[in-house]
Amino acid sequence: MPNLHGELKKLYCNLAGAPLPELLSVLLQVGVPSHILYGSDWPYTALALCTHVADEVDQTALLGEV
């Protein structure tokens, strides 16, 4: 049986939506930081919200150690 934690490290994850703080925190615990990507979901999500989330991701202290 495959190691679940090892299998999770193979995944690429998209931070579209509202990833902070819960989603990003969990992904950093189980995933590989270089496999965590930001996708805005634009044009289905309003540009102002996409920009706001991108700014939050860019400024979060959670990524300060990555």
C-alpha atoms as a PDB file:
ATOM      1  CA  MET A   1       0.000   0.000   0.000  1.00  0.00           C
ATOM      2  CA  PRO A   2       1.419   3.440  -0.918  1.00  0.00           C
ATOM      3  CA  ASN A   3       2.417   5.883   1.785  1.00  0.00           C
ATOM      4  CA  LEU A   4      -0.364   8.516   1.849  1.00  0.00           C
ATOM      5  CA  HIS A   5       1.949  11.333   2.913  1.00  0.00           C
ATOM      6  CA  GLY A   6       4.339  10.471   0.088  1.00  0.00           C
ATOM      7  CA  GLU A   7       1.469  10.421  -2.392  1.00  0.00           C
ATOM      8  CA  LEU A   8       0.225  13.837  -1.197  1.00  0.00           C
ATOM      9  CA  LYS A   9       3.671  15.291  -1.884  1.00  0.00           C
ATOM     10  CA  LYS A  10       3.213  14.406  -5.568  1.00  0.00           C
ATOM     11  CA  LEU A  11       0.128  16.603  -5.929  1.00  0.00           C
ATOM     12  CA  TYR A  12       0.066  20.152  -7.246  1.00  0.00           C
ATOM     13  CA  CYS A  13      -2.431  22.373  -5.447  1.00  0.00           C
ATOM     14  CA  ASN A  14      -4.159  25.564  -6.557  1.00  0.00           C
ATOM     15  CA  LEU A  15      -4.853  28.352  -4.067  1.00  0.00           C
ATOM     16  CA  ALA A  16      -7.799  29.868  -5.945  1.00  0.00           C
ATOM     17  CA  GLY A  17     -10.612  30.919  -3.667  1.00  0.00           C
ATOM     18  CA  ALA A  18      -9.943  31.799  -0.042  1.00  0.00           C
ATOM     19  CA  PRO A  19      -6.743  29.924   0.912  1.00  0.00           C
ATOM     20  CA  LEU A  20      -5.751  31.886   3.994  1.00  0.00           C
ATOM     21  CA  PRO A  21      -5.084  30.976   6.652  1.00  0.00           C
ATOM     22  CA  GLU A  22      -6.478  27.443   6.908  1.00  0.00           C
ATOM     23  CA  LEU A  23      -5.930  25.964   3.440  1.00  0.00           C
ATOM     24  CA  LEU A  24      -2.414  27.269   2.927  1.00  0.00           C
ATOM     25  CA  SER A  25      -1.379  26.256   6.431  1.00  0.00           C
ATOM     26  CA  VAL A  26      -2.505  22.653   5.871  1.00  0.00           C
ATOM     27  CA  LEU A  27      -0.981  22.452   2.385  1.00  0.00           C
ATOM     28  CA  LEU A  28       2.384  23.578   3.730  1.00  0.00           C
ATOM     29  CA  GLN A  29       2.232  20.765   6.287  1.00  0.00           C
ATOM     30  CA  VAL A  30       1.459  17.958   3.855  1.00  0.00           C
ATOM     31  CA  GLY A  31       2.676  19.165   0.481  1.00  0.00           C
ATOM     32  CA  VAL A  32       5.760  20.430  -1.264  1.00  0.00           C
ATOM     33  CA  PRO A  33       5.893  24.262  -1.275  1.00  0.00           C
ATOM     34  CA  SER A  34       6.975  24.338  -4.924  1.00  0.00           C
ATOM     35  CA  HIS A  35       3.810  22.378  -5.793  1.00  0.00           C
ATOM     36  CA  ILE A  36       1.511  25.043  -4.337  1.00  0.00           C
ATOM     37  CA  LEU A  37       0.386  27.430  -7.055  1.00  0.00           C
ATOM     38  CA  TYR A  38      -1.855  30.467  -7.193  1.00  0.00           C
ATOM     39  CA  GLY A  39      -4.630  30.406  -9.778  1.00  0.00           C
ATOM     40  CA  SER A  40      -7.103  33.252  -9.702  1.00  0.00           C
ATOM     41  CA  ASP A  41     -10.151  31.688 -11.384  1.00  0.00           C
ATOM     42  CA  TRP A  42     -10.478  34.926 -13.372  1.00  0.00           C
ATOM     43  CA  PRO A  43     -12.795  35.762 -15.199  1.00  0.00           C
ATOM     44  CA  TYR A  44     -15.220  33.696 -13.098  1.00  0.00           C
ATOM     45  CA  THR A  45     -14.069  35.469  -9.954  1.00  0.00           C
ATOM     46  CA  ALA A  46     -14.145  39.264 -10.003  1.00  0.00           C
ATOM     47  CA  LEU A  47     -10.789  40.878 -10.749  1.00  0.00           C
ATOM     48  CA  ALA A  48     -10.885  42.887  -7.509  1.00  0.00           C
ATOM     49  CA  LEU A  49     -11.273  39.696  -5.463  1.00  0.00           C
ATOM     50  CA  CYS A  50      -8.518  37.926  -7.434  1.00  0.00           C
ATOM     51  CA  THR A  51      -6.191  40.861  -6.784  1.00  0.00           C
ATOM     52  CA  HIS A  52      -7.097  40.913  -3.087  1.00  0.00           C
ATOM     53  CA  VAL A  53      -6.412  37.178  -2.641  1.00  0.00           C
ATOM     54  CA  ALA A  54      -3.146  37.402  -4.614  1.00  0.00           C
ATOM     55  CA  ASP A  55      -2.010  40.256  -2.355  1.00  0.00           C
ATOM     56  CA  GLU A  56      -2.929  38.242   0.758  1.00  0.00           C
ATOM     57  CA  VAL A  57      -0.955  35.242  -0.495  1.00  0.00           C
ATOM     58  CA  ASP A  58       1.996  37.474  -1.381  1.00  0.00           C
ATOM     59  CA  GLN A  59       2.022  39.096   2.064  1.00  0.00           C
ATOM     60  CA  THR A  60       1.257  36.139   4.332  1.00  0.00           C
ATOM     61  CA  ALA A  61       3.797  35.244   6.987  1.00  0.00           C
ATOM     62  CA  LEU A  62       3.056  31.567   6.258  1.00  0.00           C
ATOM     63  CA  LEU A  63       5.257  31.779   3.165  1.00  0.00           C
ATOM     64  CA  GLY A  64       8.055  33.626   4.940  1.00  0.00           C
ATOM     65  CA  GLU A  65       9.764  30.330   5.790  1.00  0.00           C
ATOM     66  CA  VAL A  66       9.388  28.772   2.335  1.00  0.00           C
END
